[in-house]
Amino acid sequence: MSAPQPAWLTEGAPHVWRPYCQMKTAPAPLAVARTQGARLILEDGRELVDGIASWWTACHGYNHPHIREAVERQLSLAPHIMFGGLAHEPAYRLAARLAALLPGDLDHVFFAESGSVSVEIAMKMALQYWINRGVAGRTRFLAFAGGYHGDTLATMTVCDPDEGMHSLFAGVLPAQHIAALPVDTASEAALDALLARKGSEIAAIVVEPRVQGAGGMLFHDDVVLARLRKAADAHGVLLIFDEIFTGFGRTGDLFVCQGSGVVPDIVTLSKSLTGGTLPLSAAIASRRVFDAFWSDDAGAALMHGPTYMGNPLACAAANASLDLFETGAWRADVARLERGMAEGLAPLRDAPGVVDVRTLGAIGVVEFDTPVDIGGLCARFVAEGVWIRPMGKVVYLTPPYITSDVELERLTGAMRKVLGGG
């Protein structure tokens, strides 16, 4: 017999509109009492190893003492300070540190709260870059099949229009150019031909480097990024890297733009920026982009300002998270997780319906030939003591980097048992 639901859940359930589910038919969510390390502790006392790191954010694990102490210190000083006309140490120190870590001249940091909004800001920067330079007609974007960049209005337009979550809005939102990633000579030639025809109306190319996350955990090589940089330069368009998922070590490099040697004109960051502690994002522009806004003309300024941009609590958490990254310990952990997932998921290659098993850094993916039963699989995984939330055709792992070998085996063992890999 299942344990009774806590009062706060039953009383609040009629009023909370939950994400990505049909409210009429979806099962009740699991009630979480607290978190620790790589685990979710439920109200009924059960503990689940979190294989998703709270949508890819809790890279250092939950309740990391260094981040918690930094937030507590900042809370005693100032929980929030508006960024219009005022400044505070956590945000300015964080901006300088991010600029120092990122390659090339990605030096100008514009803060926001969510990843989707940071992509919106990057798109707005790209559009106004051309306006400020006196170039008319650059009003569209080039994005890629399999891509996902957020659920806000502008970001929806650069997601995959057919395989993504936003096909319902086809014909309502502005149409962008969606192409195949240049993974070979044929697709590279097709991309070049598209840019030759339409380049004069394109403000920027938008791509998730190395891994298209919510589109199906689709991997591509760094040579693809080099081709995109070459194409952007040849046709005079900007290049935006959406590193909201891939940034902060998830693929094995601190940033893909750092490890690949391909530097975009704008990069967006979020997810693990604060170690999964508080909402924060950033759109970080190159000197070339920033210089187009540097003017005596007030009208050339970027007229954007999220209310909680540069929130001191979130910036304190992000600075503490960067402290942890600077120790370098995460590199060995990510490599260990990659080896463990490659070994633990390999038997699933022969499971019914499986078309691919792949790993990259702290990402492990089992892909099926048809969409999976998300609700049914979630329930079976919970019964095995793990939290794994599939999407589309993939069942995947993106665990916190501090996940122990025993916890990782629990995750991969659950996947083998539930998915039929022995």
Protein backbone atom coordinates (compact mmCIF):
# COMPACT_ATOMS: atom_id res chain seq x y z
CA MET A 1 0.00 0.00 0.00
CA SER A 2 1.41 3.39 -1.00
CA ALA A 3 2.17 5.98 1.66
CA PRO A 4 -0.28 8.91 2.01
CA GLN A 5 0.63 12.07 0.15
CA PRO A 6 1.87 14.99 2.26
CA ALA A 7 -0.72 17.70 2.92
CA TRP A 8 1.21 20.36 1.00
CA LEU A 9 1.05 18.22 -2.15
CA THR A 10 -2.64 17.40 -1.98
CA GLU A 11 -3.58 20.97 -1.09
CA GLY A 12 -1.39 22.56 -3.74
CA ALA A 13 -1.90 20.06 -6.57
CA PRO A 14 -5.15 21.62 -7.90
CA HIS A 15 -3.34 24.94 -8.32
CA VAL A 16 0.09 24.03 -9.74
CA TRP A 17 0.41 23.81 -13.53
CA ARG A 18 3.25 21.37 -14.11
CA PRO A 19 5.67 21.28 -17.07
CA TYR A 20 5.63 18.95 -20.06
CA CYS A 21 2.61 16.88 -19.07
CA GLN A 22 -1.10 16.56 -19.68
CA MET A 23 -2.48 17.67 -16.34
CA LYS A 24 -5.68 15.62 -16.70
CA THR A 25 -3.94 12.25 -17.10
CA ALA A 26 -0.44 12.63 -15.66
CA PRO A 27 0.34 10.69 -12.48
CA ALA A 28 1.08 12.65 -9.33
CA PRO A 29 4.67 13.87 -9.01
CA LEU A 30 7.01 12.40 -6.42
CA ALA A 31 7.18 14.46 -3.25
CA VAL A 32 10.80 15.35 -2.45
CA ALA A 33 11.70 16.32 1.11
CA ARG A 34 15.37 17.13 0.63
CA THR A 35 18.46 16.44 -1.45
CA GLN A 36 22.00 15.36 -0.68
CA GLY A 37 24.95 14.55 -2.92
CA ALA A 38 23.59 12.65 -5.91
CA ARG A 39 20.35 11.69 -4.18
CA LEU A 40 16.75 12.79 -3.88
CA ILE A 41 15.19 11.94 -0.51
CA LEU A 42 11.44 11.56 -0.81
CA GLU A 43 8.86 12.50 1.79
CA ASP A 44 8.14 8.82 2.41
CA GLY A 45 11.79 8.15 3.20
CA ARG A 46 12.85 6.50 -0.05
CA GLU A 47 16.12 7.64 -1.62
CA LEU A 48 16.60 7.87 -5.39
CA VAL A 49 19.94 8.24 -7.14
CA ASP A 50 19.39 11.19 -9.48
CA GLY A 51 20.53 10.29 -12.97
CA ILE A 52 19.42 13.62 -14.48
CA ALA A 53 21.04 16.12 -12.05
CA SER A 54 17.82 18.15 -11.93
CA TRP A 55 17.69 18.82 -15.66
CA TRP A 56 21.47 18.87 -16.00
CA THR A 57 22.15 21.55 -13.39
CA ALA A 58 23.46 19.92 -10.18
CA CYS A 59 26.90 19.17 -11.58
CA HIS A 60 28.66 19.21 -8.17
CA GLY A 61 25.82 17.33 -6.51
CA TYR A 62 23.18 18.74 -4.21
CA ASN A 63 23.86 20.82 -1.10
CA HIS A 64 27.55 21.28 -1.79
CA PRO A 65 28.87 22.96 1.36
CA HIS A 66 31.10 25.44 -0.48
CA ILE A 67 28.23 26.75 -2.61
CA ARG A 68 25.78 26.72 0.28
CA GLU A 69 28.15 28.73 2.49
CA ALA A 70 28.72 31.29 -0.27
CA VAL A 71 24.98 31.78 -0.69
CA GLU A 72 24.46 32.07 3.07
CA ARG A 73 27.16 34.74 3.29
CA GLN A 74 25.63 36.72 0.45
CA LEU A 75 22.13 36.37 1.91
CA SER A 76 23.35 38.09 5.07
CA LEU A 77 24.61 41.02 2.95
CA ALA A 78 22.05 41.54 0.18
CA PRO A 79 19.69 39.05 -1.48
CA HIS A 80 19.11 41.23 -4.53
CA ILE A 81 20.31 44.50 -5.99
CA MET A 82 18.85 45.92 -9.20
CA PHE A 83 21.39 46.07 -12.01
CA GLY A 84 20.16 49.32 -13.54
CA GLY A 85 22.54 52.00 -12.30
CA LEU A 86 23.89 49.90 -9.43
CA ALA A 87 26.71 47.37 -9.18
CA HIS A 88 27.73 44.64 -6.75
CA GLU A 89 30.81 42.54 -6.26
CA PRO A 90 29.45 39.01 -6.98
CA ALA A 91 28.26 39.87 -10.51
CA TYR A 92 31.29 41.92 -11.49
CA ARG A 93 33.69 39.29 -10.19
CA LEU A 94 31.75 36.55 -11.94
CA ALA A 95 31.78 38.41 -15.27
CA ALA A 96 35.55 38.89 -15.07
CA ARG A 97 36.08 35.21 -14.23
CA LEU A 98 33.87 33.97 -17.07
CA ALA A 99 35.64 36.25 -19.54
CA ALA A 100 39.00 34.88 -18.37
CA LEU A 101 37.86 31.27 -18.75
CA LEU A 102 36.24 31.60 -22.16
CA PRO A 103 38.42 31.55 -25.28
CA GLY A 104 39.13 34.36 -27.69
CA ASP A 105 37.58 37.74 -26.98
CA LEU A 106 34.32 36.53 -25.44
CA ASP A 107 34.63 39.29 -22.88
CA HIS A 108 31.24 40.99 -22.48
CA VAL A 109 28.76 39.29 -20.15
CA PHE A 110 25.04 40.08 -20.11
CA PHE A 111 23.25 38.32 -17.25
CA ALA A 112 19.70 36.94 -17.13
CA GLU A 113 17.81 34.31 -15.15
CA SER A 114 16.97 31.42 -17.49
CA GLY A 115 18.68 29.68 -20.36
CA SER A 116 15.86 30.39 -22.80
CA VAL A 117 16.07 34.10 -22.01
CA SER A 118 19.83 34.13 -22.55
CA VAL A 119 19.28 32.71 -26.05
CA GLU A 120 16.61 35.35 -26.66
CA ILE A 121 19.15 37.98 -25.61
CA ALA A 122 21.80 36.50 -27.90
CA MET A 123 19.34 36.62 -30.79
CA LYS A 124 18.44 40.21 -29.95
CA MET A 125 22.15 41.12 -29.81
CA ALA A 126 22.65 39.58 -33.24
CA LEU A 127 19.71 41.44 -34.76
CA GLN A 128 20.74 44.79 -33.30
CA TYR A 129 24.38 44.22 -34.22
CA TRP A 130 23.39 44.56 -37.88
CA ILE A 131 20.97 47.41 -37.23
CA ASN A 132 23.66 49.38 -35.40
CA ARG A 133 26.06 48.80 -38.27
CA GLY A 134 23.52 50.18 -40.73
CA VAL A 135 22.88 46.86 -42.46
CA ALA A 136 19.21 46.32 -43.29
CA GLY A 137 17.37 43.05 -43.81
CA ARG A 138 19.28 40.74 -41.45
CA THR A 139 16.17 39.61 -39.59
CA ARG A 140 16.28 35.82 -39.67
CA PHE A 141 18.33 33.02 -38.14
CA LEU A 142 19.78 29.73 -39.31
CA ALA A 143 19.39 26.80 -36.94
CA PHE A 144 19.51 23.01 -37.27
CA ALA A 145 17.36 19.91 -37.43
CA GLY A 146 17.39 18.21 -34.05
CA GLY A 147 18.05 21.49 -32.25
CA TYR A 148 16.38 22.85 -29.14
CA HIS A 149 17.03 26.27 -27.63
CA GLY A 150 14.15 26.89 -25.22
CA ASP A 151 10.43 27.34 -24.82
CA THR A 152 10.11 31.13 -25.03
CA LEU A 153 8.69 32.63 -28.21
CA ALA A 154 11.86 33.56 -30.07
CA THR A 155 13.75 30.42 -29.05
CA MET A 156 10.86 28.26 -30.23
CA THR A 157 11.49 29.54 -33.75
CA VAL A 158 15.03 28.13 -33.83
CA CYS A 159 14.07 24.70 -32.47
CA ASP A 160 13.50 21.77 -34.81
CA PRO A 161 10.05 22.55 -36.30
CA ASP A 162 9.13 18.91 -36.97
CA GLU A 163 10.76 16.77 -34.29
CA GLY A 164 10.69 19.36 -31.50
CA MET A 165 8.03 20.22 -28.94
CA HIS A 166 6.67 23.31 -30.69
CA SER A 167 5.11 22.04 -33.93
CA LEU A 168 1.72 23.17 -32.60
CA PHE A 169 2.79 26.74 -33.27
CA ALA A 170 3.81 26.25 -36.91
CA GLY A 171 2.51 29.12 -38.98
CA VAL A 172 2.07 31.34 -35.94
CA LEU A 173 5.71 32.13 -35.18
CA PRO A 174 8.19 33.61 -37.67
CA ALA A 175 9.80 30.94 -39.81
CA GLN A 176 13.57 30.60 -39.59
CA HIS A 177 15.95 28.67 -41.82
CA ILE A 178 16.42 25.12 -40.51
CA ALA A 179 19.20 23.08 -42.10
CA ALA A 180 21.01 19.80 -41.55
CA LEU A 181 24.23 20.04 -39.57
CA PRO A 182 27.24 19.91 -41.91
CA VAL A 183 28.38 16.44 -40.85
CA ASP A 184 29.80 15.50 -44.28
CA THR A 185 30.76 17.10 -47.57
CA ALA A 186 27.24 16.88 -48.99
CA SER A 187 25.56 18.60 -46.04
CA GLU A 188 28.39 21.13 -45.88
CA ALA A 189 27.79 21.99 -49.54
CA ALA A 190 24.04 22.26 -48.90
CA LEU A 191 24.65 24.64 -46.02
CA ASP A 192 26.99 26.76 -48.11
CA ALA A 193 24.42 26.90 -50.91
CA LEU A 194 21.70 27.97 -48.47
CA LEU A 195 23.89 30.75 -47.09
CA ALA A 196 24.80 31.85 -50.61
CA ARG A 197 21.09 32.26 -51.40
CA LYS A 198 19.83 33.60 -48.09
CA GLY A 199 22.87 34.93 -46.25
CA SER A 200 21.91 38.55 -46.74
CA GLU A 201 18.79 38.03 -44.59
CA ILE A 202 20.46 35.94 -41.85
CA ALA A 203 21.69 37.64 -38.69
CA ALA A 204 23.30 34.59 -37.09
CA ILE A 205 23.73 30.84 -37.05
CA VAL A 206 22.56 29.22 -33.78
CA VAL A 207 23.86 25.80 -32.73
CA GLU A 208 24.22 23.54 -29.70
CA PRO A 209 27.88 22.52 -29.96
CA ARG A 210 28.76 18.80 -29.76
CA VAL A 211 25.42 17.70 -28.33
CA GLN A 212 21.87 18.64 -29.31
CA GLY A 213 20.35 18.00 -25.90
CA ALA A 214 16.55 18.05 -25.68
CA GLY A 215 16.33 17.19 -29.38
CA GLY A 216 17.48 13.66 -28.57
CA MET A 217 21.01 13.82 -27.14
CA LEU A 218 22.41 13.86 -30.68
CA PHE A 219 26.22 14.02 -30.89
CA HIS A 220 28.39 15.60 -33.57
CA ASP A 221 32.14 16.08 -33.99
CA ASP A 222 34.08 19.30 -33.55
CA VAL A 223 34.77 19.34 -37.28
CA VAL A 224 31.11 20.33 -37.66
CA LEU A 225 31.76 23.40 -35.54
CA ALA A 226 34.80 24.31 -37.60
CA ARG A 227 32.66 24.10 -40.75
CA LEU A 228 30.07 26.38 -39.17
CA ARG A 229 32.72 28.94 -38.23
CA LYS A 230 34.10 28.81 -41.76
CA ALA A 231 30.63 29.20 -43.29
CA ALA A 232 29.71 32.06 -40.96
CA ASP A 233 32.88 33.92 -41.86
CA ALA A 234 32.55 33.24 -45.58
CA HIS A 235 29.01 34.60 -45.70
CA GLY A 236 29.39 37.35 -43.13
CA VAL A 237 26.98 36.12 -40.47
CA LEU A 238 27.43 35.77 -36.72
CA LEU A 239 27.80 32.43 -34.94
CA ILE A 240 26.04 31.72 -31.64
CA PHE A 241 26.94 28.71 -29.47
CA ASP A 242 24.16 27.62 -27.12
CA GLU A 243 26.23 25.97 -24.37
CA ILE A 244 23.44 25.96 -21.82
CA PHE A 245 23.65 22.15 -21.63
CA THR A 246 27.17 21.47 -22.85
CA GLY A 247 28.97 24.12 -20.83
CA PHE A 248 30.73 23.51 -17.51
CA GLY A 249 32.27 20.14 -18.19
CA ARG A 250 29.36 18.04 -19.35
CA THR A 251 31.14 16.89 -22.56
CA GLY A 252 34.62 16.66 -20.99
CA ASP A 253 35.86 20.20 -21.65
CA LEU A 254 34.92 23.11 -19.43
CA PHE A 255 33.33 24.69 -22.52
CA VAL A 256 33.00 23.22 -26.00
CA CYS A 257 34.19 26.50 -27.50
CA GLN A 258 37.33 26.12 -25.41
CA GLY A 259 38.05 22.45 -26.17
CA SER A 260 37.07 22.53 -29.84
CA GLY A 261 39.16 25.54 -30.73
CA VAL A 262 36.13 27.09 -32.43
CA VAL A 263 35.20 30.47 -30.94
CA PRO A 264 31.67 31.82 -31.58
CA ASP A 265 30.65 35.45 -31.64
CA ILE A 266 28.20 34.92 -28.77
CA VAL A 267 27.91 32.05 -26.28
CA THR A 268 25.02 31.38 -23.92
CA LEU A 269 25.46 29.69 -20.53
CA SER A 270 23.07 28.53 -17.80
CA LYS A 271 22.17 25.11 -16.27
CA SER A 272 25.35 24.28 -14.28
CA LEU A 273 26.44 27.91 -13.99
CA THR A 274 25.39 28.01 -10.31
CA GLY A 275 25.88 24.30 -9.68
CA GLY A 276 22.13 23.76 -9.73
CA THR A 277 21.56 26.14 -6.84
CA LEU A 278 19.85 29.27 -8.19
CA PRO A 279 18.59 30.46 -11.60
CA LEU A 280 21.19 32.38 -13.59
CA SER A 281 22.20 32.63 -17.23
CA ALA A 282 24.43 34.73 -19.42
CA ALA A 283 24.82 35.75 -23.04
CA ILE A 284 28.50 36.52 -23.56
CA ALA A 285 29.54 38.49 -26.62
CA SER A 286 32.82 38.97 -28.43
CA ARG A 287 34.49 42.35 -28.66
CA ARG A 288 33.34 42.66 -32.26
CA VAL A 289 29.68 42.30 -31.29
CA PHE A 290 30.00 44.58 -28.25
CA ASP A 291 31.73 47.29 -30.26
CA ALA A 292 28.65 47.64 -32.48
CA PHE A 293 26.77 48.87 -29.38
CA TRP A 294 29.58 51.17 -28.13
CA SER A 295 28.45 54.61 -29.25
CA ASP A 296 27.65 58.18 -28.26
CA ASP A 297 24.16 57.47 -29.59
CA ALA A 298 21.88 56.30 -26.75
CA GLY A 299 19.70 54.58 -29.31
CA ALA A 300 22.48 52.12 -30.09
CA ALA A 301 22.37 50.66 -26.57
CA LEU A 302 21.01 47.16 -25.93
CA MET A 303 17.62 47.96 -24.42
CA HIS A 304 17.15 44.87 -22.34
CA GLY A 305 17.17 44.34 -18.59
CA PRO A 306 15.67 41.34 -16.78
CA THR A 307 14.56 42.32 -13.28
CA TYR A 308 16.70 39.72 -11.55
CA MET A 309 19.69 39.93 -13.89
CA GLY A 310 22.95 39.59 -12.01
CA ASN A 311 21.12 38.49 -8.85
CA PRO A 312 23.75 38.59 -6.05
CA LEU A 313 22.69 35.26 -4.50
CA ALA A 314 22.89 33.50 -7.86
CA CYS A 315 26.22 35.16 -8.71
CA ALA A 316 27.62 34.15 -5.32
CA ALA A 317 26.60 30.56 -6.06
CA ALA A 318 28.18 30.77 -9.53
CA ASN A 319 31.45 32.12 -8.15
CA ALA A 320 31.53 29.27 -5.63
CA SER A 321 30.80 26.80 -8.42
CA LEU A 322 33.72 28.23 -10.43
CA ASP A 323 35.94 27.74 -7.36
CA LEU A 324 35.09 24.03 -7.52
CA PHE A 325 35.77 23.87 -11.24
CA GLU A 326 39.13 25.55 -10.73
CA THR A 327 40.30 22.65 -8.54
CA GLY A 328 40.17 20.45 -11.64
CA ALA A 329 38.75 17.45 -9.75
CA TRP A 330 35.71 17.43 -12.02
CA ARG A 331 37.82 16.29 -14.98
CA ALA A 332 38.66 12.95 -13.39
CA ASP A 333 35.06 12.53 -12.27
CA VAL A 334 33.67 13.17 -15.75
CA ALA A 335 36.18 10.73 -17.29
CA ARG A 336 35.25 8.14 -14.64
CA LEU A 337 31.54 8.57 -15.35
CA GLU A 338 32.14 8.27 -19.10
CA ARG A 339 33.99 4.97 -18.61
CA GLY A 340 31.36 3.67 -16.19
CA MET A 341 28.44 4.54 -18.44
CA ALA A 342 30.13 3.12 -21.53
CA GLU A 343 30.66 -0.18 -19.74
CA GLY A 344 27.37 -0.23 -17.85
CA LEU A 345 25.18 0.63 -20.84
CA ALA A 346 27.00 -1.49 -23.47
CA PRO A 347 24.79 -4.60 -22.91
CA LEU A 348 21.78 -2.55 -23.99
CA ARG A 349 23.04 -2.52 -27.58
CA ASP A 350 21.30 -5.87 -28.01
CA ALA A 351 18.08 -4.92 -26.18
CA PRO A 352 14.79 -4.94 -28.11
CA GLY A 353 14.20 -1.73 -30.07
CA VAL A 354 17.58 -0.18 -29.27
CA VAL A 355 19.26 1.46 -32.26
CA ASP A 356 22.23 3.11 -30.53
CA VAL A 357 24.10 3.38 -27.26
CA ARG A 358 26.50 6.30 -26.96
CA THR A 359 28.47 8.18 -24.33
CA LEU A 360 30.32 11.48 -24.27
CA GLY A 361 31.73 12.96 -21.08
CA ALA A 362 29.07 12.77 -18.37
CA ILE A 363 26.31 11.88 -20.86
CA GLY A 364 25.08 8.36 -21.51
CA VAL A 365 22.34 7.66 -24.06
CA VAL A 366 20.26 4.68 -25.10
CA GLU A 367 18.24 5.45 -28.23
CA PHE A 368 15.21 3.44 -29.37
CA ASP A 369 13.59 3.14 -32.78
CA THR A 370 10.27 4.60 -31.54
CA PRO A 371 9.27 7.00 -28.75
CA VAL A 372 9.37 5.40 -25.31
CA ASP A 373 6.68 5.26 -22.63
CA ILE A 374 8.03 8.04 -20.42
CA GLY A 375 5.57 7.65 -17.56
CA GLY A 376 5.77 3.88 -17.45
CA LEU A 377 9.56 3.86 -17.54
CA CYS A 378 9.82 6.56 -14.86
CA ALA A 379 7.70 4.44 -12.51
CA ARG A 380 9.78 1.34 -13.12
CA PHE A 381 13.01 3.25 -12.56
CA VAL A 382 11.69 4.64 -9.27
CA ALA A 383 10.95 1.08 -8.19
CA GLU A 384 14.65 0.37 -8.78
CA GLY A 385 15.69 3.32 -6.61
CA VAL A 386 16.73 5.76 -9.33
CA TRP A 387 15.37 8.93 -10.94
CA ILE A 388 15.68 8.72 -14.72
CA ARG A 389 13.32 10.71 -16.93
CA PRO A 390 13.40 9.69 -20.62
CA MET A 391 12.42 11.96 -23.48
CA GLY A 392 11.32 11.16 -27.01
CA LYS A 393 13.19 8.11 -28.22
CA VAL A 394 16.00 8.25 -25.68
CA VAL A 395 16.62 7.08 -22.15
CA TYR A 396 19.66 8.95 -20.92
CA LEU A 397 21.89 9.72 -17.95
CA THR A 398 23.41 13.09 -17.07
CA PRO A 399 24.39 12.44 -13.44
CA PRO A 400 26.10 14.84 -11.04
CA TYR A 401 29.85 14.61 -11.45
CA ILE A 402 30.27 13.50 -7.83
CA THR A 403 28.10 10.40 -8.38
CA SER A 404 29.97 7.48 -6.83
CA ASP A 405 30.82 4.28 -8.69
CA VAL A 406 28.25 2.44 -6.56
CA GLU A 407 25.56 4.99 -7.40
CA LEU A 408 26.49 4.91 -11.07
CA GLU A 409 26.17 1.14 -11.13
CA ARG A 410 22.77 1.52 -9.55
CA LEU A 411 21.77 3.82 -12.41
CA THR A 412 23.15 1.71 -15.23
CA GLY A 413 21.95 -1.51 -13.57
CA ALA A 414 18.44 -0.11 -13.37
CA MET A 415 18.58 0.78 -17.05
CA ARG A 416 19.77 -2.71 -17.98
CA LYS A 417 17.04 -4.33 -15.90
CA VAL A 418 14.19 -2.10 -17.03
CA LEU A 419 15.20 -1.79 -20.69
CA GLY A 420 16.08 -5.45 -21.18
CA GLY A 421 19.85 -5.47 -21.32
CA GLY A 422 20.38 -8.14 -18.67
